[in-house]
């Protein structure tokens, strides 16, 4: 369960980072 959550969180975190760095 923890690894499954880690997968989803990793995907969400890097998606957030990817969209945010477009601002700079």
PDBML (XML) file of the C-alpha atoms, coordinates in Angstrom:
<?xml version="1.0" encoding="UTF-8" ?>
<PDBx:datablock datablockName="MODEL"
   xmlns:PDBx="http://pdbml.pdb.org/schema/pdbx-v50.xsd"
   xmlns:xsi="http://www.w3.org/2001/XMLSchema-instance"
   xsi:schemaLocation="http://pdbml.pdb.org/schema/pdbx-v50.xsd pdbx-v50.xsd">
   <PDBx:atom_siteCategory>
      <PDBx:atom_site id="1">
         <PDBx:B_iso_or_equiv>0.00</PDBx:B_iso_or_equiv>
         <PDBx:Cartn_x>0.000</PDBx:Cartn_x>
         <PDBx:Cartn_y>0.000</PDBx:Cartn_y>
         <PDBx:Cartn_z>0.000</PDBx:Cartn_z>
         <PDBx:auth_asym_id>A</PDBx:auth_asym_id>
         <PDBx:auth_atom_id>CA</PDBx:auth_atom_id>
         <PDBx:auth_comp_id>UNK</PDBx:auth_comp_id>
         <PDBx:auth_seq_id>1</PDBx:auth_seq_id>
         <PDBx:group_PDB>ATOM</PDBx:group_PDB>
         <PDBx:label_alt_id xsi:nil="true" />
         <PDBx:label_asym_id>A</PDBx:label_asym_id>
         <PDBx:label_atom_id>CA</PDBx:label_atom_id>
         <PDBx:label_comp_id>UNK</PDBx:label_comp_id>
         <PDBx:label_entity_id>1</PDBx:label_entity_id>
         <PDBx:label_seq_id>1</PDBx:label_seq_id>
         <PDBx:occupancy>1.00</PDBx:occupancy>
         <PDBx:pdbx_PDB_model_num>1</PDBx:pdbx_PDB_model_num>
         <PDBx:type_symbol>C</PDBx:type_symbol>
      </PDBx:atom_site>
      <PDBx:atom_site id="2">
         <PDBx:B_iso_or_equiv>0.00</PDBx:B_iso_or_equiv>
         <PDBx:Cartn_x>2.812</PDBx:Cartn_x>
         <PDBx:Cartn_y>2.412</PDBx:Cartn_y>
         <PDBx:Cartn_z>0.867</PDBx:Cartn_z>
         <PDBx:auth_asym_id>A</PDBx:auth_asym_id>
         <PDBx:auth_atom_id>CA</PDBx:auth_atom_id>
         <PDBx:auth_comp_id>UNK</PDBx:auth_comp_id>
         <PDBx:auth_seq_id>2</PDBx:auth_seq_id>
         <PDBx:group_PDB>ATOM</PDBx:group_PDB>
         <PDBx:label_alt_id xsi:nil="true" />
         <PDBx:label_asym_id>A</PDBx:label_asym_id>
         <PDBx:label_atom_id>CA</PDBx:label_atom_id>
         <PDBx:label_comp_id>UNK</PDBx:label_comp_id>
         <PDBx:label_entity_id>1</PDBx:label_entity_id>
         <PDBx:label_seq_id>2</PDBx:label_seq_id>
         <PDBx:occupancy>1.00</PDBx:occupancy>
         <PDBx:pdbx_PDB_model_num>1</PDBx:pdbx_PDB_model_num>
         <PDBx:type_symbol>C</PDBx:type_symbol>
      </PDBx:atom_site>
      <PDBx:atom_site id="3">
         <PDBx:B_iso_or_equiv>0.00</PDBx:B_iso_or_equiv>
         <PDBx:Cartn_x>4.607</PDBx:Cartn_x>
         <PDBx:Cartn_y>1.740</PDBx:Cartn_y>
         <PDBx:Cartn_z>-2.437</PDBx:Cartn_z>
         <PDBx:auth_asym_id>A</PDBx:auth_asym_id>
         <PDBx:auth_atom_id>CA</PDBx:auth_atom_id>
         <PDBx:auth_comp_id>UNK</PDBx:auth_comp_id>
         <PDBx:auth_seq_id>3</PDBx:auth_seq_id>
         <PDBx:group_PDB>ATOM</PDBx:group_PDB>
         <PDBx:label_alt_id xsi:nil="true" />
         <PDBx:label_asym_id>A</PDBx:label_asym_id>
         <PDBx:label_atom_id>CA</PDBx:label_atom_id>
         <PDBx:label_comp_id>UNK</PDBx:label_comp_id>
         <PDBx:label_entity_id>1</PDBx:label_entity_id>
         <PDBx:label_seq_id>3</PDBx:label_seq_id>
         <PDBx:occupancy>1.00</PDBx:occupancy>
         <PDBx:pdbx_PDB_model_num>1</PDBx:pdbx_PDB_model_num>
         <PDBx:type_symbol>C</PDBx:type_symbol>
      </PDBx:atom_site>
      <PDBx:atom_site id="4">
         <PDBx:B_iso_or_equiv>0.00</PDBx:B_iso_or_equiv>
         <PDBx:Cartn_x>1.354</PDBx:Cartn_x>
         <PDBx:Cartn_y>2.258</PDBx:Cartn_y>
         <PDBx:Cartn_z>-4.350</PDBx:Cartn_z>
         <PDBx:auth_asym_id>A</PDBx:auth_asym_id>
         <PDBx:auth_atom_id>CA</PDBx:auth_atom_id>
         <PDBx:auth_comp_id>UNK</PDBx:auth_comp_id>
         <PDBx:auth_seq_id>4</PDBx:auth_seq_id>
         <PDBx:group_PDB>ATOM</PDBx:group_PDB>
         <PDBx:label_alt_id xsi:nil="true" />
         <PDBx:label_asym_id>A</PDBx:label_asym_id>
         <PDBx:label_atom_id>CA</PDBx:label_atom_id>
         <PDBx:label_comp_id>UNK</PDBx:label_comp_id>
         <PDBx:label_entity_id>1</PDBx:label_entity_id>
         <PDBx:label_seq_id>4</PDBx:label_seq_id>
         <PDBx:occupancy>1.00</PDBx:occupancy>
         <PDBx:pdbx_PDB_model_num>1</PDBx:pdbx_PDB_model_num>
         <PDBx:type_symbol>C</PDBx:type_symbol>
      </PDBx:atom_site>
      <PDBx:atom_site id="5">
         <PDBx:B_iso_or_equiv>0.00</PDBx:B_iso_or_equiv>
         <PDBx:Cartn_x>0.816</PDBx:Cartn_x>
         <PDBx:Cartn_y>5.582</PDBx:Cartn_y>
         <PDBx:Cartn_z>-2.632</PDBx:Cartn_z>
         <PDBx:auth_asym_id>A</PDBx:auth_asym_id>
         <PDBx:auth_atom_id>CA</PDBx:auth_atom_id>
         <PDBx:auth_comp_id>UNK</PDBx:auth_comp_id>
         <PDBx:auth_seq_id>5</PDBx:auth_seq_id>
         <PDBx:group_PDB>ATOM</PDBx:group_PDB>
         <PDBx:label_alt_id xsi:nil="true" />
         <PDBx:label_asym_id>A</PDBx:label_asym_id>
         <PDBx:label_atom_id>CA</PDBx:label_atom_id>
         <PDBx:label_comp_id>UNK</PDBx:label_comp_id>
         <PDBx:label_entity_id>1</PDBx:label_entity_id>
         <PDBx:label_seq_id>5</PDBx:label_seq_id>
         <PDBx:occupancy>1.00</PDBx:occupancy>
         <PDBx:pdbx_PDB_model_num>1</PDBx:pdbx_PDB_model_num>
         <PDBx:type_symbol>C</PDBx:type_symbol>
      </PDBx:atom_site>
      <PDBx:atom_site id="6">
         <PDBx:B_iso_or_equiv>0.00</PDBx:B_iso_or_equiv>
         <PDBx:Cartn_x>4.439</PDBx:Cartn_x>
         <PDBx:Cartn_y>6.504</PDBx:Cartn_y>
         <PDBx:Cartn_z>-3.245</PDBx:Cartn_z>
         <PDBx:auth_asym_id>A</PDBx:auth_asym_id>
         <PDBx:auth_atom_id>CA</PDBx:auth_atom_id>
         <PDBx:auth_comp_id>UNK</PDBx:auth_comp_id>
         <PDBx:auth_seq_id>6</PDBx:auth_seq_id>
         <PDBx:group_PDB>ATOM</PDBx:group_PDB>
         <PDBx:label_alt_id xsi:nil="true" />
         <PDBx:label_asym_id>A</PDBx:label_asym_id>
         <PDBx:label_atom_id>CA</PDBx:label_atom_id>
         <PDBx:label_comp_id>UNK</PDBx:label_comp_id>
         <PDBx:label_entity_id>1</PDBx:label_entity_id>
         <PDBx:label_seq_id>6</PDBx:label_seq_id>
         <PDBx:occupancy>1.00</PDBx:occupancy>
         <PDBx:pdbx_PDB_model_num>1</PDBx:pdbx_PDB_model_num>
         <PDBx:type_symbol>C</PDBx:type_symbol>
      </PDBx:atom_site>
      <PDBx:atom_site id="7">
         <PDBx:B_iso_or_equiv>0.00</PDBx:B_iso_or_equiv>
         <PDBx:Cartn_x>3.970</PDBx:Cartn_x>
         <PDBx:Cartn_y>5.870</PDBx:Cartn_y>
         <PDBx:Cartn_z>-6.972</PDBx:Cartn_z>
         <PDBx:auth_asym_id>A</PDBx:auth_asym_id>
         <PDBx:auth_atom_id>CA</PDBx:auth_atom_id>
         <PDBx:auth_comp_id>UNK</PDBx:auth_comp_id>
         <PDBx:auth_seq_id>7</PDBx:auth_seq_id>
         <PDBx:group_PDB>ATOM</PDBx:group_PDB>
         <PDBx:label_alt_id xsi:nil="true" />
         <PDBx:label_asym_id>A</PDBx:label_asym_id>
         <PDBx:label_atom_id>CA</PDBx:label_atom_id>
         <PDBx:label_comp_id>UNK</PDBx:label_comp_id>
         <PDBx:label_entity_id>1</PDBx:label_entity_id>
         <PDBx:label_seq_id>7</PDBx:label_seq_id>
         <PDBx:occupancy>1.00</PDBx:occupancy>
         <PDBx:pdbx_PDB_model_num>1</PDBx:pdbx_PDB_model_num>
         <PDBx:type_symbol>C</PDBx:type_symbol>
      </PDBx:atom_site>
      <PDBx:atom_site id="8">
         <PDBx:B_iso_or_equiv>0.00</PDBx:B_iso_or_equiv>
         <PDBx:Cartn_x>0.931</PDBx:Cartn_x>
         <PDBx:Cartn_y>8.146</PDBx:Cartn_y>
         <PDBx:Cartn_z>-7.175</PDBx:Cartn_z>
         <PDBx:auth_asym_id>A</PDBx:auth_asym_id>
         <PDBx:auth_atom_id>CA</PDBx:auth_atom_id>
         <PDBx:auth_comp_id>UNK</PDBx:auth_comp_id>
         <PDBx:auth_seq_id>8</PDBx:auth_seq_id>
         <PDBx:group_PDB>ATOM</PDBx:group_PDB>
         <PDBx:label_alt_id xsi:nil="true" />
         <PDBx:label_asym_id>A</PDBx:label_asym_id>
         <PDBx:label_atom_id>CA</PDBx:label_atom_id>
         <PDBx:label_comp_id>UNK</PDBx:label_comp_id>
         <PDBx:label_entity_id>1</PDBx:label_entity_id>
         <PDBx:label_seq_id>8</PDBx:label_seq_id>
         <PDBx:occupancy>1.00</PDBx:occupancy>
         <PDBx:pdbx_PDB_model_num>1</PDBx:pdbx_PDB_model_num>
         <PDBx:type_symbol>C</PDBx:type_symbol>
      </PDBx:atom_site>
      <PDBx:atom_site id="9">
         <PDBx:B_iso_or_equiv>0.00</PDBx:B_iso_or_equiv>
         <PDBx:Cartn_x>2.563</PDBx:Cartn_x>
         <PDBx:Cartn_y>10.847</PDBx:Cartn_y>
         <PDBx:Cartn_z>-5.058</PDBx:Cartn_z>
         <PDBx:auth_asym_id>A</PDBx:auth_asym_id>
         <PDBx:auth_atom_id>CA</PDBx:auth_atom_id>
         <PDBx:auth_comp_id>UNK</PDBx:auth_comp_id>
         <PDBx:auth_seq_id>9</PDBx:auth_seq_id>
         <PDBx:group_PDB>ATOM</PDBx:group_PDB>
         <PDBx:label_alt_id xsi:nil="true" />
         <PDBx:label_asym_id>A</PDBx:label_asym_id>
         <PDBx:label_atom_id>CA</PDBx:label_atom_id>
         <PDBx:label_comp_id>UNK</PDBx:label_comp_id>
         <PDBx:label_entity_id>1</PDBx:label_entity_id>
         <PDBx:label_seq_id>9</PDBx:label_seq_id>
         <PDBx:occupancy>1.00</PDBx:occupancy>
         <PDBx:pdbx_PDB_model_num>1</PDBx:pdbx_PDB_model_num>
         <PDBx:type_symbol>C</PDBx:type_symbol>
      </PDBx:atom_site>
      <PDBx:atom_site id="10">
         <PDBx:B_iso_or_equiv>0.00</PDBx:B_iso_or_equiv>
         <PDBx:Cartn_x>5.750</PDBx:Cartn_x>
         <PDBx:Cartn_y>10.749</PDBx:Cartn_y>
         <PDBx:Cartn_z>-7.136</PDBx:Cartn_z>
         <PDBx:auth_asym_id>A</PDBx:auth_asym_id>
         <PDBx:auth_atom_id>CA</PDBx:auth_atom_id>
         <PDBx:auth_comp_id>UNK</PDBx:auth_comp_id>
         <PDBx:auth_seq_id>10</PDBx:auth_seq_id>
         <PDBx:group_PDB>ATOM</PDBx:group_PDB>
         <PDBx:label_alt_id xsi:nil="true" />
         <PDBx:label_asym_id>A</PDBx:label_asym_id>
         <PDBx:label_atom_id>CA</PDBx:label_atom_id>
         <PDBx:label_comp_id>UNK</PDBx:label_comp_id>
         <PDBx:label_entity_id>1</PDBx:label_entity_id>
         <PDBx:label_seq_id>10</PDBx:label_seq_id>
         <PDBx:occupancy>1.00</PDBx:occupancy>
         <PDBx:pdbx_PDB_model_num>1</PDBx:pdbx_PDB_model_num>
         <PDBx:type_symbol>C</PDBx:type_symbol>
      </PDBx:atom_site>
      <PDBx:atom_site id="11">
         <PDBx:B_iso_or_equiv>0.00</PDBx:B_iso_or_equiv>
         <PDBx:Cartn_x>3.774</PDBx:Cartn_x>
         <PDBx:Cartn_y>11.149</PDBx:Cartn_y>
         <PDBx:Cartn_z>-10.329</PDBx:Cartn_z>
         <PDBx:auth_asym_id>A</PDBx:auth_asym_id>
         <PDBx:auth_atom_id>CA</PDBx:auth_atom_id>
         <PDBx:auth_comp_id>UNK</PDBx:auth_comp_id>
         <PDBx:auth_seq_id>11</PDBx:auth_seq_id>
         <PDBx:group_PDB>ATOM</PDBx:group_PDB>
         <PDBx:label_alt_id xsi:nil="true" />
         <PDBx:label_asym_id>A</PDBx:label_asym_id>
         <PDBx:label_atom_id>CA</PDBx:label_atom_id>
         <PDBx:label_comp_id>UNK</PDBx:label_comp_id>
         <PDBx:label_entity_id>1</PDBx:label_entity_id>
         <PDBx:label_seq_id>11</PDBx:label_seq_id>
         <PDBx:occupancy>1.00</PDBx:occupancy>
         <PDBx:pdbx_PDB_model_num>1</PDBx:pdbx_PDB_model_num>
         <PDBx:type_symbol>C</PDBx:type_symbol>
      </PDBx:atom_site>
      <PDBx:atom_site id="12">
         <PDBx:B_iso_or_equiv>0.00</PDBx:B_iso_or_equiv>
         <PDBx:Cartn_x>1.773</PDBx:Cartn_x>
         <PDBx:Cartn_y>14.026</PDBx:Cartn_y>
         <PDBx:Cartn_z>-8.855</PDBx:Cartn_z>
         <PDBx:auth_asym_id>A</PDBx:auth_asym_id>
         <PDBx:auth_atom_id>CA</PDBx:auth_atom_id>
         <PDBx:auth_comp_id>UNK</PDBx:auth_comp_id>
         <PDBx:auth_seq_id>12</PDBx:auth_seq_id>
         <PDBx:group_PDB>ATOM</PDBx:group_PDB>
         <PDBx:label_alt_id xsi:nil="true" />
         <PDBx:label_asym_id>A</PDBx:label_asym_id>
         <PDBx:label_atom_id>CA</PDBx:label_atom_id>
         <PDBx:label_comp_id>UNK</PDBx:label_comp_id>
         <PDBx:label_entity_id>1</PDBx:label_entity_id>
         <PDBx:label_seq_id>12</PDBx:label_seq_id>
         <PDBx:occupancy>1.00</PDBx:occupancy>
         <PDBx:pdbx_PDB_model_num>1</PDBx:pdbx_PDB_model_num>
         <PDBx:type_symbol>C</PDBx:type_symbol>
      </PDBx:atom_site>
      <PDBx:atom_site id="13">
         <PDBx:B_iso_or_equiv>0.00</PDBx:B_iso_or_equiv>
         <PDBx:Cartn_x>4.819</PDBx:Cartn_x>
         <PDBx:Cartn_y>15.737</PDBx:Cartn_y>
         <PDBx:Cartn_z>-7.362</PDBx:Cartn_z>
         <PDBx:auth_asym_id>A</PDBx:auth_asym_id>
         <PDBx:auth_atom_id>CA</PDBx:auth_atom_id>
         <PDBx:auth_comp_id>UNK</PDBx:auth_comp_id>
         <PDBx:auth_seq_id>13</PDBx:auth_seq_id>
         <PDBx:group_PDB>ATOM</PDBx:group_PDB>
         <PDBx:label_alt_id xsi:nil="true" />
         <PDBx:label_asym_id>A</PDBx:label_asym_id>
         <PDBx:label_atom_id>CA</PDBx:label_atom_id>
         <PDBx:label_comp_id>UNK</PDBx:label_comp_id>
         <PDBx:label_entity_id>1</PDBx:label_entity_id>
         <PDBx:label_seq_id>13</PDBx:label_seq_id>
         <PDBx:occupancy>1.00</PDBx:occupancy>
         <PDBx:pdbx_PDB_model_num>1</PDBx:pdbx_PDB_model_num>
         <PDBx:type_symbol>C</PDBx:type_symbol>
      </PDBx:atom_site>
      <PDBx:atom_site id="14">
         <PDBx:B_iso_or_equiv>0.00</PDBx:B_iso_or_equiv>
         <PDBx:Cartn_x>6.803</PDBx:Cartn_x>
         <PDBx:Cartn_y>15.710</PDBx:Cartn_y>
         <PDBx:Cartn_z>-10.598</PDBx:Cartn_z>
         <PDBx:auth_asym_id>A</PDBx:auth_asym_id>
         <PDBx:auth_atom_id>CA</PDBx:auth_atom_id>
         <PDBx:auth_comp_id>UNK</PDBx:auth_comp_id>
         <PDBx:auth_seq_id>14</PDBx:auth_seq_id>
         <PDBx:group_PDB>ATOM</PDBx:group_PDB>
         <PDBx:label_alt_id xsi:nil="true" />
         <PDBx:label_asym_id>A</PDBx:label_asym_id>
         <PDBx:label_atom_id>CA</PDBx:label_atom_id>
         <PDBx:label_comp_id>UNK</PDBx:label_comp_id>
         <PDBx:label_entity_id>1</PDBx:label_entity_id>
         <PDBx:label_seq_id>14</PDBx:label_seq_id>
         <PDBx:occupancy>1.00</PDBx:occupancy>
         <PDBx:pdbx_PDB_model_num>1</PDBx:pdbx_PDB_model_num>
         <PDBx:type_symbol>C</PDBx:type_symbol>
      </PDBx:atom_site>
      <PDBx:atom_site id="15">
         <PDBx:B_iso_or_equiv>0.00</PDBx:B_iso_or_equiv>
         <PDBx:Cartn_x>3.757</PDBx:Cartn_x>
         <PDBx:Cartn_y>16.828</PDBx:Cartn_y>
         <PDBx:Cartn_z>-12.590</PDBx:Cartn_z>
         <PDBx:auth_asym_id>A</PDBx:auth_asym_id>
         <PDBx:auth_atom_id>CA</PDBx:auth_atom_id>
         <PDBx:auth_comp_id>UNK</PDBx:auth_comp_id>
         <PDBx:auth_seq_id>15</PDBx:auth_seq_id>
         <PDBx:group_PDB>ATOM</PDBx:group_PDB>
         <PDBx:label_alt_id xsi:nil="true" />
         <PDBx:label_asym_id>A</PDBx:label_asym_id>
         <PDBx:label_atom_id>CA</PDBx:label_atom_id>
         <PDBx:label_comp_id>UNK</PDBx:label_comp_id>
         <PDBx:label_entity_id>1</PDBx:label_entity_id>
         <PDBx:label_seq_id>15</PDBx:label_seq_id>
         <PDBx:occupancy>1.00</PDBx:occupancy>
         <PDBx:pdbx_PDB_model_num>1</PDBx:pdbx_PDB_model_num>
         <PDBx:type_symbol>C</PDBx:type_symbol>
      </PDBx:atom_site>
      <PDBx:atom_site id="16">
         <PDBx:B_iso_or_equiv>0.00</PDBx:B_iso_or_equiv>
         <PDBx:Cartn_x>3.421</PDBx:Cartn_x>
         <PDBx:Cartn_y>19.788</PDBx:Cartn_y>
         <PDBx:Cartn_z>-10.201</PDBx:Cartn_z>
         <PDBx:auth_asym_id>A</PDBx:auth_asym_id>
         <PDBx:auth_atom_id>CA</PDBx:auth_atom_id>
         <PDBx:auth_comp_id>UNK</PDBx:auth_comp_id>
         <PDBx:auth_seq_id>16</PDBx:auth_seq_id>
         <PDBx:group_PDB>ATOM</PDBx:group_PDB>
         <PDBx:label_alt_id xsi:nil="true" />
         <PDBx:label_asym_id>A</PDBx:label_asym_id>
         <PDBx:label_atom_id>CA</PDBx:label_atom_id>
         <PDBx:label_comp_id>UNK</PDBx:label_comp_id>
         <PDBx:label_entity_id>1</PDBx:label_entity_id>
         <PDBx:label_seq_id>16</PDBx:label_seq_id>
         <PDBx:occupancy>1.00</PDBx:occupancy>
         <PDBx:pdbx_PDB_model_num>1</PDBx:pdbx_PDB_model_num>
         <PDBx:type_symbol>C</PDBx:type_symbol>
      </PDBx:atom_site>
      <PDBx:atom_site id="17">
         <PDBx:B_iso_or_equiv>0.00</PDBx:B_iso_or_equiv>
         <PDBx:Cartn_x>7.128</PDBx:Cartn_x>
         <PDBx:Cartn_y>20.576</PDBx:Cartn_y>
         <PDBx:Cartn_z>-10.556</PDBx:Cartn_z>
         <PDBx:auth_asym_id>A</PDBx:auth_asym_id>
         <PDBx:auth_atom_id>CA</PDBx:auth_atom_id>
         <PDBx:auth_comp_id>UNK</PDBx:auth_comp_id>
         <PDBx:auth_seq_id>17</PDBx:auth_seq_id>
         <PDBx:group_PDB>ATOM</PDBx:group_PDB>
         <PDBx:label_alt_id xsi:nil="true" />
         <PDBx:label_asym_id>A</PDBx:label_asym_id>
         <PDBx:label_atom_id>CA</PDBx:label_atom_id>
         <PDBx:label_comp_id>UNK</PDBx:label_comp_id>
         <PDBx:label_entity_id>1</PDBx:label_entity_id>
         <PDBx:label_seq_id>17</PDBx:label_seq_id>
         <PDBx:occupancy>1.00</PDBx:occupancy>
         <PDBx:pdbx_PDB_model_num>1</PDBx:pdbx_PDB_model_num>
         <PDBx:type_symbol>C</PDBx:type_symbol>
      </PDBx:atom_site>
      <PDBx:atom_site id="18">
         <PDBx:B_iso_or_equiv>0.00</PDBx:B_iso_or_equiv>
         <PDBx:Cartn_x>6.990</PDBx:Cartn_x>
         <PDBx:Cartn_y>20.295</PDBx:Cartn_y>
         <PDBx:Cartn_z>-14.348</PDBx:Cartn_z>
         <PDBx:auth_asym_id>A</PDBx:auth_asym_id>
         <PDBx:auth_atom_id>CA</PDBx:auth_atom_id>
         <PDBx:auth_comp_id>UNK</PDBx:auth_comp_id>
         <PDBx:auth_seq_id>18</PDBx:auth_seq_id>
         <PDBx:group_PDB>ATOM</PDBx:group_PDB>
         <PDBx:label_alt_id xsi:nil="true" />
         <PDBx:label_asym_id>A</PDBx:label_asym_id>
         <PDBx:label_atom_id>CA</PDBx:label_atom_id>
         <PDBx:label_comp_id>UNK</PDBx:label_comp_id>
         <PDBx:label_entity_id>1</PDBx:label_entity_id>
         <PDBx:label_seq_id>18</PDBx:label_seq_id>
         <PDBx:occupancy>1.00</PDBx:occupancy>
         <PDBx:pdbx_PDB_model_num>1</PDBx:pdbx_PDB_model_num>
         <PDBx:type_symbol>C</PDBx:type_symbol>
      </PDBx:atom_site>
      <PDBx:atom_site id="19">
         <PDBx:B_iso_or_equiv>0.00</PDBx:B_iso_or_equiv>
         <PDBx:Cartn_x>4.091</PDBx:Cartn_x>
         <PDBx:Cartn_y>22.712</PDBx:Cartn_y>
         <PDBx:Cartn_z>-14.730</PDBx:Cartn_z>
         <PDBx:auth_asym_id>A</PDBx:auth_asym_id>
         <PDBx:auth_atom_id>CA</PDBx:auth_atom_id>
         <PDBx:auth_comp_id>UNK</PDBx:auth_comp_id>
         <PDBx:auth_seq_id>19</PDBx:auth_seq_id>
         <PDBx:group_PDB>ATOM</PDBx:group_PDB>
         <PDBx:label_alt_id xsi:nil="true" />
         <PDBx:label_asym_id>A</PDBx:label_asym_id>
         <PDBx:label_atom_id>CA</PDBx:label_atom_id>
         <PDBx:label_comp_id>UNK</PDBx:label_comp_id>
         <PDBx:label_entity_id>1</PDBx:label_entity_id>
         <PDBx:label_seq_id>19</PDBx:label_seq_id>
         <PDBx:occupancy>1.00</PDBx:occupancy>
         <PDBx:pdbx_PDB_model_num>1</PDBx:pdbx_PDB_model_num>
         <PDBx:type_symbol>C</PDBx:type_symbol>
      </PDBx:atom_site>
      <PDBx:atom_site id="20">
         <PDBx:B_iso_or_equiv>0.00</PDBx:B_iso_or_equiv>
         <PDBx:Cartn_x>5.470</PDBx:Cartn_x>
         <PDBx:Cartn_y>25.117</PDBx:Cartn_y>
         <PDBx:Cartn_z>-12.108</PDBx:Cartn_z>
         <PDBx:auth_asym_id>A</PDBx:auth_asym_id>
         <PDBx:auth_atom_id>CA</PDBx:auth_atom_id>
         <PDBx:auth_comp_id>UNK</PDBx:auth_comp_id>
         <PDBx:auth_seq_id>20</PDBx:auth_seq_id>
         <PDBx:group_PDB>ATOM</PDBx:group_PDB>
         <PDBx:label_alt_id xsi:nil="true" />
         <PDBx:label_asym_id>A</PDBx:label_asym_id>
         <PDBx:label_atom_id>CA</PDBx:label_atom_id>
         <PDBx:label_comp_id>UNK</PDBx:label_comp_id>
         <PDBx:label_entity_id>1</PDBx:label_entity_id>
         <PDBx:label_seq_id>20</PDBx:label_seq_id>
         <PDBx:occupancy>1.00</PDBx:occupancy>
         <PDBx:pdbx_PDB_model_num>1</PDBx:pdbx_PDB_model_num>
         <PDBx:type_symbol>C</PDBx:type_symbol>
      </PDBx:atom_site>
      <PDBx:atom_site id="21">
         <PDBx:B_iso_or_equiv>0.00</PDBx:B_iso_or_equiv>
         <PDBx:Cartn_x>8.908</PDBx:Cartn_x>
         <PDBx:Cartn_y>25.429</PDBx:Cartn_y>
         <PDBx:Cartn_z>-13.701</PDBx:Cartn_z>
         <PDBx:auth_asym_id>A</PDBx:auth_asym_id>
         <PDBx:auth_atom_id>CA</PDBx:auth_atom_id>
         <PDBx:auth_comp_id>UNK</PDBx:auth_comp_id>
         <PDBx:auth_seq_id>21</PDBx:auth_seq_id>
         <PDBx:group_PDB>ATOM</PDBx:group_PDB>
         <PDBx:label_alt_id xsi:nil="true" />
         <PDBx:label_asym_id>A</PDBx:label_asym_id>
         <PDBx:label_atom_id>CA</PDBx:label_atom_id>
         <PDBx:label_comp_id>UNK</PDBx:label_comp_id>
         <PDBx:label_entity_id>1</PDBx:label_entity_id>
         <PDBx:label_seq_id>21</PDBx:label_seq_id>
         <PDBx:occupancy>1.00</PDBx:occupancy>
         <PDBx:pdbx_PDB_model_num>1</PDBx:pdbx_PDB_model_num>
         <PDBx:type_symbol>C</PDBx:type_symbol>
      </PDBx:atom_site>
      <PDBx:atom_site id="22">
         <PDBx:B_iso_or_equiv>0.00</PDBx:B_iso_or_equiv>
         <PDBx:Cartn_x>7.306</PDBx:Cartn_x>
         <PDBx:Cartn_y>26.634</PDBx:Cartn_y>
         <PDBx:Cartn_z>-16.933</PDBx:Cartn_z>
         <PDBx:auth_asym_id>A</PDBx:auth_asym_id>
         <PDBx:auth_atom_id>CA</PDBx:auth_atom_id>
         <PDBx:auth_comp_id>UNK</PDBx:auth_comp_id>
         <PDBx:auth_seq_id>22</PDBx:auth_seq_id>
         <PDBx:group_PDB>ATOM</PDBx:group_PDB>
         <PDBx:label_alt_id xsi:nil="true" />
         <PDBx:label_asym_id>A</PDBx:label_asym_id>
         <PDBx:label_atom_id>CA</PDBx:label_atom_id>
         <PDBx:label_comp_id>UNK</PDBx:label_comp_id>
         <PDBx:label_entity_id>1</PDBx:label_entity_id>
         <PDBx:label_seq_id>22</PDBx:label_seq_id>
         <PDBx:occupancy>1.00</PDBx:occupancy>
         <PDBx:pdbx_PDB_model_num>1</PDBx:pdbx_PDB_model_num>
         <PDBx:type_symbol>C</PDBx:type_symbol>
      </PDBx:atom_site>
      <PDBx:atom_site id="23">
         <PDBx:B_iso_or_equiv>0.00</PDBx:B_iso_or_equiv>
         <PDBx:Cartn_x>6.651</PDBx:Cartn_x>
         <PDBx:Cartn_y>29.916</PDBx:Cartn_y>
         <PDBx:Cartn_z>-15.102</PDBx:Cartn_z>
         <PDBx:auth_asym_id>A</PDBx:auth_asym_id>
         <PDBx:auth_atom_id>CA</PDBx:auth_atom_id>
         <PDBx:auth_comp_id>UNK</PDBx:auth_comp_id>
         <PDBx:auth_seq_id>23</PDBx:auth_seq_id>
         <PDBx:group_PDB>ATOM</PDBx:group_PDB>
         <PDBx:label_alt_id xsi:nil="true" />
         <PDBx:label_asym_id>A</PDBx:label_asym_id>
         <PDBx:label_atom_id>CA</PDBx:label_atom_id>
         <PDBx:label_comp_id>UNK</PDBx:label_comp_id>
         <PDBx:label_entity_id>1</PDBx:label_entity_id>
         <PDBx:label_seq_id>23</PDBx:label_seq_id>
         <PDBx:occupancy>1.00</PDBx:occupancy>
         <PDBx:pdbx_PDB_model_num>1</PDBx:pdbx_PDB_model_num>
         <PDBx:type_symbol>C</PDBx:type_symbol>
      </PDBx:atom_site>
      <PDBx:atom_site id="24">
         <PDBx:B_iso_or_equiv>0.00</PDBx:B_iso_or_equiv>
         <PDBx:Cartn_x>10.367</PDBx:Cartn_x>
         <PDBx:Cartn_y>30.704</PDBx:Cartn_y>
         <PDBx:Cartn_z>-14.826</PDBx:Cartn_z>
         <PDBx:auth_asym_id>A</PDBx:auth_asym_id>
         <PDBx:auth_atom_id>CA</PDBx:auth_atom_id>
         <PDBx:auth_comp_id>UNK</PDBx:auth_comp_id>
         <PDBx:auth_seq_id>24</PDBx:auth_seq_id>
         <PDBx:group_PDB>ATOM</PDBx:group_PDB>
         <PDBx:label_alt_id xsi:nil="true" />
         <PDBx:label_asym_id>A</PDBx:label_asym_id>
         <PDBx:label_atom_id>CA</PDBx:label_atom_id>
         <PDBx:label_comp_id>UNK</PDBx:label_comp_id>
         <PDBx:label_entity_id>1</PDBx:label_entity_id>
         <PDBx:label_seq_id>24</PDBx:label_seq_id>
         <PDBx:occupancy>1.00</PDBx:occupancy>
         <PDBx:pdbx_PDB_model_num>1</PDBx:pdbx_PDB_model_num>
         <PDBx:type_symbol>C</PDBx:type_symbol>
      </PDBx:atom_site>
   </PDBx:atom_siteCategory>
</PDBx:datablock>
